[in-house]
Amino acid sequence: MPNSSDRRKKRIGSIAAALFVLFYILPLVVGSVFAAVEFLRDGEAFAVVLFLLIYGVMGGAVLIGVVLALRQRLQEIEGGEEDDAAQY
């Protein structure tokens, strides 16, 4: 029977991995959106603005996916699904 220390380690590892991805992707997304706004303000090429906005939207989707996966992972850890599967 796993103890609470094992669950705590799994939670900390999951949160640390998610935070690493969030702190890596978030500046890229915010930077691309701000760059797109600046290019729009200066009247630069629309293709560049479109690329930066698409990049920002896709990065935002990654951020949402990471948060949802973290939420699901934490529910699995709390529910003991891994512990049940380890018995077989």
PDB file of N, CA and C in Angstrom:
ATOM      1  N   MET A   1       0.850  -1.184   0.000  1.00  0.00           N
ATOM      2  CA  MET A   1       0.000   0.000   0.000  1.00  0.00           C
ATOM      3  C   MET A   1       0.888   1.237   0.000  1.00  0.00           C
ATOM      4  N   PRO A   2       0.789   2.083  -1.003  1.00  0.00           N
ATOM      5  CA  PRO A   2       1.623   3.277  -1.060  1.00  0.00           C
ATOM      6  C   PRO A   2       1.226   4.265   0.028  1.00  0.00           C
ATOM      7  N   ASN A   3       2.231   4.941   0.515  1.00  0.00           N
ATOM      8  CA  ASN A   3       1.954   5.914   1.568  1.00  0.00           C
ATOM      9  C   ASN A   3       1.749   7.301   0.978  1.00  0.00           C
ATOM     10  N   SER A   4       1.437   8.240   1.842  1.00  0.00           N
ATOM     11  CA  SER A   4       1.161   9.603   1.375  1.00  0.00           C
ATOM     12  C   SER A   4       2.420  10.274   0.848  1.00  0.00           C
ATOM     13  N   SER A   5       3.580   9.803   1.258  1.00  0.00           N
ATOM     14  CA  SER A   5       4.833  10.373   0.765  1.00  0.00           C
ATOM     15  C   SER A   5       4.999  10.100  -0.728  1.00  0.00           C
ATOM     16  N   ASP A   6       4.611   8.885  -1.166  1.00  0.00           N
ATOM     17  CA  ASP A   6       4.688   8.567  -2.587  1.00  0.00           C
ATOM     18  C   ASP A   6       3.750   9.450  -3.400  1.00  0.00           C
ATOM     19  N   ARG A   7       2.555   9.629  -2.899  1.00  0.00           N
ATOM     20  CA  ARG A   7       1.591  10.497  -3.594  1.00  0.00           C
ATOM     21  C   ARG A   7       2.077  11.934  -3.625  1.00  0.00           C
ATOM     22  N   ARG A   8       2.674  12.352  -2.528  1.00  0.00           N
ATOM     23  CA  ARG A   8       3.190  13.732  -2.468  1.00  0.00           C
ATOM     24  C   ARG A   8       4.304  13.932  -3.496  1.00  0.00           C
ATOM     25  N   LYS A   9       5.188  12.947  -3.618  1.00  0.00           N
ATOM     26  CA  LYS A   9       6.272  13.036  -4.610  1.00  0.00           C
ATOM     27  C   LYS A   9       5.718  13.066  -6.018  1.00  0.00           C
ATOM     28  N   LYS A  10       4.696  12.271  -6.280  1.00  0.00           N
ATOM     29  CA  LYS A  10       4.083  12.262  -7.612  1.00  0.00           C
ATOM     30  C   LYS A  10       3.428  13.597  -7.918  1.00  0.00           C
ATOM     31  N   ARG A  11       2.746  14.167  -6.926  1.00  0.00           N
ATOM     32  CA  ARG A  11       2.121  15.481  -7.125  1.00  0.00           C
ATOM     33  C   ARG A  11       3.171  16.547  -7.386  1.00  0.00           C
ATOM     34  N   ILE A  12       4.232  16.557  -6.595  1.00  0.00           N
ATOM     35  CA  ILE A  12       5.278  17.574  -6.757  1.00  0.00           C
ATOM     36  C   ILE A  12       5.942  17.441  -8.125  1.00  0.00           C
ATOM     37  N   GLY A  13       6.213  16.213  -8.542  1.00  0.00           N
ATOM     38  CA  GLY A  13       6.821  16.000  -9.854  1.00  0.00           C
ATOM     39  C   GLY A  13       5.926  16.466 -10.988  1.00  0.00           C
ATOM     40  N   SER A  14       4.653  16.175 -10.883  1.00  0.00           N
ATOM     41  CA  SER A  14       3.709  16.588 -11.923  1.00  0.00           C
ATOM     42  C   SER A  14       3.588  18.104 -11.995  1.00  0.00           C
ATOM     43  N   ILE A  15       3.495  18.730 -10.834  1.00  0.00           N
ATOM     44  CA  ILE A  15       3.385  20.191 -10.789  1.00  0.00           C
ATOM     45  C   ILE A  15       4.657  20.838 -11.302  1.00  0.00           C
ATOM     46  N   ALA A  16       5.810  20.296 -10.931  1.00  0.00           N
ATOM     47  CA  ALA A  16       7.087  20.864 -11.384  1.00  0.00           C
ATOM     48  C   ALA A  16       7.216  20.782 -12.903  1.00  0.00           C
ATOM     49  N   ALA A  17       6.833  19.654 -13.474  1.00  0.00           N
ATOM     50  CA  ALA A  17       6.910  19.503 -14.932  1.00  0.00           C
ATOM     51  C   ALA A  17       5.969  20.477 -15.636  1.00  0.00           C
ATOM     52  N   ALA A  18       4.764  20.616 -15.106  1.00  0.00           N
ATOM     53  CA  ALA A  18       3.807  21.539 -15.714  1.00  0.00           C
ATOM     54  C   ALA A  18       4.286  22.982 -15.597  1.00  0.00           C
ATOM     55  N   LEU A  19       4.827  23.347 -14.452  1.00  0.00           N
ATOM     56  CA  LEU A  19       5.336  24.709 -14.281  1.00  0.00           C
ATOM     57  C   LEU A  19       6.505  24.991 -15.208  1.00  0.00           C
ATOM     58  N   PHE A  20       7.358  24.004 -15.414  1.00  0.00           N
ATOM     59  CA  PHE A  20       8.478  24.182 -16.335  1.00  0.00           C
ATOM     60  C   PHE A  20       7.972  24.503 -17.740  1.00  0.00           C
ATOM     61  N   VAL A  21       6.995  23.736 -18.205  1.00  0.00           N
ATOM     62  CA  VAL A  21       6.441  23.975 -19.538  1.00  0.00           C
ATOM     63  C   VAL A  21       5.740  25.330 -19.589  1.00  0.00           C
ATOM     64  N   LEU A  22       4.974  25.658 -18.560  1.00  0.00           N
ATOM     65  CA  LEU A  22       4.261  26.940 -18.543  1.00  0.00           C
ATOM     66  C   LEU A  22       5.219  28.121 -18.570  1.00  0.00           C
ATOM     67  N   PHE A  23       6.266  28.052 -17.743  1.00  0.00           N
ATOM     68  CA  PHE A  23       7.225  29.158 -17.706  1.00  0.00           C
ATOM     69  C   PHE A  23       8.080  29.231 -18.958  1.00  0.00           C
ATOM     70  N   TYR A  24       8.151  28.147 -19.718  1.00  0.00           N
ATOM     71  CA  TYR A  24       8.886  28.168 -20.977  1.00  0.00           C
ATOM     72  C   TYR A  24       8.019  28.717 -22.110  1.00  0.00           C
ATOM     73  N   ILE A  25       6.773  28.295 -22.175  1.00  0.00           N
ATOM     74  CA  ILE A  25       5.890  28.664 -23.286  1.00  0.00           C
ATOM     75  C   ILE A  25       5.256  30.046 -23.102  1.00  0.00           C
ATOM     76  N   LEU A  26       4.909  30.401 -21.871  1.00  0.00           N
ATOM     77  CA  LEU A  26       4.192  31.653 -21.628  1.00  0.00           C
ATOM     78  C   LEU A  26       4.918  32.885 -22.177  1.00  0.00           C
ATOM     79  N   PRO A  27       6.212  33.069 -21.937  1.00  0.00           N
ATOM     80  CA  PRO A  27       6.876  34.246 -22.518  1.00  0.00           C
ATOM     81  C   PRO A  27       6.891  34.236 -24.043  1.00  0.00           C
ATOM     82  N   LEU A  28       6.961  33.054 -24.636  1.00  0.00           N
ATOM     83  CA  LEU A  28       6.931  32.976 -26.097  1.00  0.00           C
ATOM     84  C   LEU A  28       5.575  33.409 -26.641  1.00  0.00           C
ATOM     85  N   VAL A  29       4.521  32.986 -25.988  1.00  0.00           N
ATOM     86  CA  VAL A  29       3.166  33.343 -26.433  1.00  0.00           C
ATOM     87  C   VAL A  29       2.929  34.837 -26.250  1.00  0.00           C
ATOM     88  N   VAL A  30       3.237  35.341 -25.071  1.00  0.00           N
ATOM     89  CA  VAL A  30       3.013  36.760 -24.791  1.00  0.00           C
ATOM     90  C   VAL A  30       3.880  37.627 -25.716  1.00  0.00           C
ATOM     91  N   GLY A  31       5.113  37.218 -25.901  1.00  0.00           N
ATOM     92  CA  GLY A  31       6.007  37.976 -26.777  1.00  0.00           C
ATOM     93  C   GLY A  31       5.529  38.009 -28.215  1.00  0.00           C
ATOM     94  N   SER A  32       5.023  36.883 -28.705  1.00  0.00           N
ATOM     95  CA  SER A  32       4.552  36.857 -30.089  1.00  0.00           C
ATOM     96  C   SER A  32       3.305  37.721 -30.265  1.00  0.00           C
ATOM     97  N   VAL A  33       2.432  37.720 -29.282  1.00  0.00           N
ATOM     98  CA  VAL A  33       1.229  38.553 -29.387  1.00  0.00           C
ATOM     99  C   VAL A  33       1.597  40.035 -29.327  1.00  0.00           C
ATOM    100  N   PHE A  34       2.480  40.401 -28.410  1.00  0.00           N
ATOM    101  CA  PHE A  34       2.910  41.799 -28.337  1.00  0.00           C
ATOM    102  C   PHE A  34       3.635  42.228 -29.608  1.00  0.00           C
ATOM    103  N   ALA A  35       4.451  41.346 -30.175  1.00  0.00           N
ATOM    104  CA  ALA A  35       5.136  41.666 -31.426  1.00  0.00           C
ATOM    105  C   ALA A  35       4.129  41.851 -32.551  1.00  0.00           C
ATOM    106  N   ALA A  36       3.109  41.015 -32.589  1.00  0.00           N
ATOM    107  CA  ALA A  36       2.086  41.150 -33.627  1.00  0.00           C
ATOM    108  C   ALA A  36       1.356  42.479 -33.495  1.00  0.00           C
ATOM    109  N   VAL A  37       1.055  42.875 -32.276  1.00  0.00           N
ATOM    110  CA  VAL A  37       0.385  44.159 -32.057  1.00  0.00           C
ATOM    111  C   VAL A  37       1.280  45.309 -32.504  1.00  0.00           C
ATOM    112  N   GLU A  38       2.551  45.231 -32.194  1.00  0.00           N
ATOM    113  CA  GLU A  38       3.485  46.287 -32.626  1.00  0.00           C
ATOM    114  C   GLU A  38       3.590  46.344 -34.145  1.00  0.00           C
ATOM    115  N   PHE A  39       3.662  45.182 -34.797  1.00  0.00           N
ATOM    116  CA  PHE A  39       3.728  45.171 -36.257  1.00  0.00           C
ATOM    117  C   PHE A  39       2.449  45.732 -36.865  1.00  0.00           C
ATOM    118  N   LEU A  40       1.307  45.433 -36.261  1.00  0.00           N
ATOM    119  CA  LEU A  40       0.044  45.986 -36.750  1.00  0.00           C
ATOM    120  C   LEU A  40       0.022  47.502 -36.600  1.00  0.00           C
ATOM    121  N   ARG A  41       0.512  47.970 -35.460  1.00  0.00           N
ATOM    122  CA  ARG A  41       0.529  49.409 -35.191  1.00  0.00           C
ATOM    123  C   ARG A  41       1.426  50.150 -36.184  1.00  0.00           C
ATOM    124  N   ASP A  42       2.546  49.506 -36.550  1.00  0.00           N
ATOM    125  CA  ASP A  42       3.492  50.126 -37.477  1.00  0.00           C
ATOM    126  C   ASP A  42       3.113  49.915 -38.932  1.00  0.00           C
ATOM    127  N   GLY A  43       2.076  49.133 -39.200  1.00  0.00           N
ATOM    128  CA  GLY A  43       1.641  48.880 -40.565  1.00  0.00           C
ATOM    129  C   GLY A  43       2.558  47.934 -41.314  1.00  0.00           C
ATOM    130  N   GLU A  44       3.183  47.001 -40.614  1.00  0.00           N
ATOM    131  CA  GLU A  44       4.093  46.055 -41.255  1.00  0.00           C
ATOM    132  C   GLU A  44       3.314  45.011 -42.042  1.00  0.00           C
ATOM    133  N   ALA A  45       4.050  44.087 -42.626  1.00  0.00           N
ATOM    134  CA  ALA A  45       3.461  43.053 -43.475  1.00  0.00           C
ATOM    135  C   ALA A  45       2.453  42.221 -42.692  1.00  0.00           C
ATOM    136  N   PHE A  46       1.301  42.024 -43.318  1.00  0.00           N
ATOM    137  CA  PHE A  46       0.225  41.281 -42.668  1.00  0.00           C
ATOM    138  C   PHE A  46       0.598  39.822 -42.460  1.00  0.00           C
ATOM    139  N   ALA A  47       1.431  39.262 -43.333  1.00  0.00           N
ATOM    140  CA  ALA A  47       1.833  37.853 -43.202  1.00  0.00           C
ATOM    141  C   ALA A  47       2.591  37.621 -41.902  1.00  0.00           C
ATOM    142  N   VAL A  48       3.426  38.575 -41.529  1.00  0.00           N
ATOM    143  CA  VAL A  48       4.175  38.448 -40.281  1.00  0.00           C
ATOM    144  C   VAL A  48       3.222  38.501 -39.093  1.00  0.00           C
ATOM    145  N   VAL A  49       2.292  39.405 -39.134  1.00  0.00           N
ATOM    146  CA  VAL A  49       1.318  39.542 -38.054  1.00  0.00           C
ATOM    147  C   VAL A  49       0.485  38.273 -37.943  1.00  0.00           C
ATOM    148  N   LEU A  50       0.046  37.758 -39.068  1.00  0.00           N
ATOM    149  CA  LEU A  50      -0.757  36.540 -39.064  1.00  0.00           C
ATOM    150  C   LEU A  50       0.034  35.370 -38.484  1.00  0.00           C
ATOM    151  N   PHE A  51       1.290  35.232 -38.891  1.00  0.00           N
ATOM    152  CA  PHE A  51       2.132  34.165 -38.357  1.00  0.00           C
ATOM    153  C   PHE A  51       2.283  34.285 -36.847  1.00  0.00           C
ATOM    154  N   LEU A  52       2.543  35.494 -36.362  1.00  0.00           N
ATOM    155  CA  LEU A  52       2.730  35.685 -34.927  1.00  0.00           C
ATOM    156  C   LEU A  52       1.450  35.412 -34.145  1.00  0.00           C
ATOM    157  N   LEU A  53       0.316  35.809 -34.692  1.00  0.00           N
ATOM    158  CA  LEU A  53      -0.951  35.543 -34.013  1.00  0.00           C
ATOM    159  C   LEU A  53      -1.289  34.056 -33.994  1.00  0.00           C
ATOM    160  N   ILE A  54      -1.027  33.366 -35.101  1.00  0.00           N
ATOM    161  CA  ILE A  54      -1.250  31.921 -35.129  1.00  0.00           C
ATOM    162  C   ILE A  54      -0.329  31.234 -34.133  1.00  0.00           C
ATOM    163  N   TYR A  55       0.921  31.672 -34.073  1.00  0.00           N
ATOM    164  CA  TYR A  55       1.875  31.126 -33.112  1.00  0.00           C
ATOM    165  C   TYR A  55       1.379  31.351 -31.683  1.00  0.00           C
ATOM    166  N   GLY A  56       0.846  32.529 -31.431  1.00  0.00           N
ATOM    167  CA  GLY A  56       0.326  32.833 -30.103  1.00  0.00           C
ATOM    168  C   GLY A  56      -0.876  31.975 -29.748  1.00  0.00           C
ATOM    169  N   VAL A  57      -1.771  31.760 -30.692  1.00  0.00           N
ATOM    170  CA  VAL A  57      -2.957  30.939 -30.445  1.00  0.00           C
ATOM    171  C   VAL A  57      -2.548  29.489 -30.196  1.00  0.00           C
ATOM    172  N   MET A  58      -1.624  28.990 -30.992  1.00  0.00           N
ATOM    173  CA  MET A  58      -1.184  27.600 -30.806  1.00  0.00           C
ATOM    174  C   MET A  58      -0.454  27.436 -29.475  1.00  0.00           C
ATOM    175  N   GLY A  59       0.333  28.419 -29.097  1.00  0.00           N
ATOM    176  CA  GLY A  59       0.997  28.373 -27.798  1.00  0.00           C
ATOM    177  C   GLY A  59      -0.004  28.426 -26.661  1.00  0.00           C
ATOM    178  N   GLY A  60      -1.046  29.218 -26.838  1.00  0.00           N
ATOM    179  CA  GLY A  60      -2.109  29.272 -25.839  1.00  0.00           C
ATOM    180  C   GLY A  60      -2.814  27.932 -25.703  1.00  0.00           C
ATOM    181  N   ALA A  61      -2.991  27.246 -26.819  1.00  0.00           N
ATOM    182  CA  ALA A  61      -3.605  25.918 -26.770  1.00  0.00           C
ATOM    183  C   ALA A  61      -2.706  24.941 -26.015  1.00  0.00           C
ATOM    184  N   VAL A  62      -1.410  25.076 -26.195  1.00  0.00           N
ATOM    185  CA  VAL A  62      -0.476  24.219 -25.450  1.00  0.00           C
ATOM    186  C   VAL A  62      -0.590  24.503 -23.955  1.00  0.00           C
ATOM    187  N   LEU A  63      -0.658  25.765 -23.600  1.00  0.00           N
ATOM    188  CA  LEU A  63      -0.776  26.127 -22.182  1.00  0.00           C
ATOM    189  C   LEU A  63      -2.053  25.555 -21.572  1.00  0.00           C
ATOM    190  N   ILE A  64      -3.157  25.677 -22.273  1.00  0.00           N
ATOM    191  CA  ILE A  64      -4.424  25.136 -21.781  1.00  0.00           C
ATOM    192  C   ILE A  64      -4.340  23.616 -21.654  1.00  0.00           C
ATOM    193  N   GLY A  65      -3.735  22.972 -22.634  1.00  0.00           N
ATOM    194  CA  GLY A  65      -3.585  21.521 -22.592  1.00  0.00           C
ATOM    195  C   GLY A  65      -2.739  21.055 -21.420  1.00  0.00           C
ATOM    196  N   VAL A  66      -1.669  21.795 -21.128  1.00  0.00           N
ATOM    197  CA  VAL A  66      -0.806  21.432 -19.998  1.00  0.00           C
ATOM    198  C   VAL A  66      -1.568  21.563 -18.688  1.00  0.00           C
ATOM    199  N   VAL A  67      -2.328  22.630 -18.545  1.00  0.00           N
ATOM    200  CA  VAL A  67      -3.091  22.830 -17.309  1.00  0.00           C
ATOM    201  C   VAL A  67      -4.153  21.739 -17.153  1.00  0.00           C
ATOM    202  N   LEU A  68      -4.846  21.395 -18.235  1.00  0.00           N
ATOM    203  CA  LEU A  68      -5.859  20.340 -18.164  1.00  0.00           C
ATOM    204  C   LEU A  68      -5.230  18.975 -17.870  1.00  0.00           C
ATOM    205  N   ALA A  69      -4.078  18.699 -18.485  1.00  0.00           N
ATOM    206  CA  ALA A  69      -3.395  17.434 -18.219  1.00  0.00           C
ATOM    207  C   ALA A  69      -2.911  17.365 -16.772  1.00  0.00           C
ATOM    208  N   LEU A  70      -2.438  18.492 -16.250  1.00  0.00           N
ATOM    209  CA  LEU A  70      -2.014  18.515 -14.847  1.00  0.00           C
ATOM    210  C   LEU A  70      -3.198  18.249 -13.926  1.00  0.00           C
ATOM    211  N   ARG A  71      -4.309  18.859 -14.231  1.00  0.00           N
ATOM    212  CA  ARG A  71      -5.515  18.655 -13.413  1.00  0.00           C
ATOM    213  C   ARG A  71      -5.931  17.180 -13.416  1.00  0.00           C
ATOM    214  N   GLN A  72      -5.910  16.580 -14.602  1.00  0.00           N
ATOM    215  CA  GLN A  72      -6.275  15.172 -14.726  1.00  0.00           C
ATOM    216  C   GLN A  72      -5.267  14.294 -13.983  1.00  0.00           C
ATOM    217  N   ARG A  73      -4.000  14.609 -14.102  1.00  0.00           N
ATOM    218  CA  ARG A  73      -2.958  13.827 -13.422  1.00  0.00           C
ATOM    219  C   ARG A  73      -3.120  13.900 -11.909  1.00  0.00           C
ATOM    220  N   LEU A  74      -3.397  15.062 -11.391  1.00  0.00           N
ATOM    221  CA  LEU A  74      -3.585  15.203  -9.952  1.00  0.00           C
ATOM    222  C   LEU A  74      -4.807  14.430  -9.470  1.00  0.00           C
ATOM    223  N   GLN A  75      -5.852  14.399 -10.289  1.00  0.00           N
ATOM    224  CA  GLN A  75      -7.033  13.604  -9.935  1.00  0.00           C
ATOM    225  C   GLN A  75      -6.706  12.114  -9.925  1.00  0.00           C
ATOM    226  N   GLU A  76      -5.879  11.667 -10.882  1.00  0.00           N
ATOM    227  CA  GLU A  76      -5.470  10.266 -10.908  1.00  0.00           C
ATOM    228  C   GLU A  76      -4.660   9.909  -9.666  1.00  0.00           C
ATOM    229  N   ILE A  77      -3.772  10.785  -9.278  1.00  0.00           N
ATOM    230  CA  ILE A  77      -2.941  10.525  -8.103  1.00  0.00           C
ATOM    231  C   ILE A  77      -3.810  10.457  -6.855  1.00  0.00           C
ATOM    232  N   GLU A  78      -4.717  11.407  -6.717  1.00  0.00           N
ATOM    233  CA  GLU A  78      -5.582  11.421  -5.535  1.00  0.00           C
ATOM    234  C   GLU A  78      -6.538  10.232  -5.520  1.00  0.00           C
ATOM    235  N   GLY A  79      -6.982   9.807  -6.688  1.00  0.00           N
ATOM    236  CA  GLY A  79      -7.931   8.704  -6.766  1.00  0.00           C
ATOM    237  C   GLY A  79      -7.289   7.341  -6.562  1.00  0.00           C
ATOM    238  N   GLY A  80      -5.968   7.282  -6.622  1.00  0.00           N
ATOM    239  CA  GLY A  80      -5.272   6.028  -6.415  1.00  0.00           C
ATOM    240  C   GLY A  80      -5.373   5.061  -7.577  1.00  0.00           C
ATOM    241  N   GLU A  81      -5.614   5.570  -8.778  1.00  0.00           N
ATOM    242  CA  GLU A  81      -5.749   4.686  -9.948  1.00  0.00           C
ATOM    243  C   GLU A  81      -4.458   3.920 -10.231  1.00  0.00           C
ATOM    244  N   GLU A  82      -3.323   4.571 -10.049  1.00  0.00           N
ATOM    245  CA  GLU A  82      -2.045   3.898 -10.266  1.00  0.00           C
ATOM    246  C   GLU A  82      -1.846   2.798  -9.243  1.00  0.00           C
ATOM    247  N   ASP A  83      -2.263   3.061  -8.027  1.00  0.00           N
ATOM    248  CA  ASP A  83      -2.106   2.057  -6.966  1.00  0.00           C
ATOM    249  C   ASP A  83      -2.952   0.823  -7.273  1.00  0.00           C
ATOM    250  N   ASP A  84      -4.149   1.036  -7.781  1.00  0.00           N
ATOM    251  CA  ASP A  84      -5.010  -0.085  -8.148  1.00  0.00           C
ATOM    252  C   ASP A  84      -4.409  -0.885  -9.303  1.00  0.00           C
ATOM    253  N   ALA A  85      -3.861  -0.185 -10.295  1.00  0.00           N
ATOM    254  CA  ALA A  85      -3.273  -0.853 -11.448  1.00  0.00           C
ATOM    255  C   ALA A  85      -2.007  -1.612 -11.079  1.00  0.00           C
ATOM    256  N   ALA A  86      -1.290  -1.175 -10.071  1.00  0.00           N
ATOM    257  CA  ALA A  86      -0.047  -1.829  -9.655  1.00  0.00           C
ATOM    258  C   ALA A  86      -0.292  -3.195  -9.037  1.00  0.00           C
ATOM    259  N   GLN A  87      -1.509  -3.463  -8.626  1.00  0.00           N
ATOM    260  CA  GLN A  87      -1.816  -4.752  -8.019  1.00  0.00           C
ATOM    261  C   GLN A  87      -1.891  -5.873  -9.055  1.00  0.00           C
ATOM    262  N   TYR A  88      -2.017  -5.526 -10.325  1.00  0.00           N
ATOM    263  CA  TYR A  88      -2.204  -6.544 -11.366  1.00  0.00           C
ATOM    264  C   TYR A  88      -0.979  -6.783 -12.153  1.00  0.00           C
TER     265      TYR A  88
END
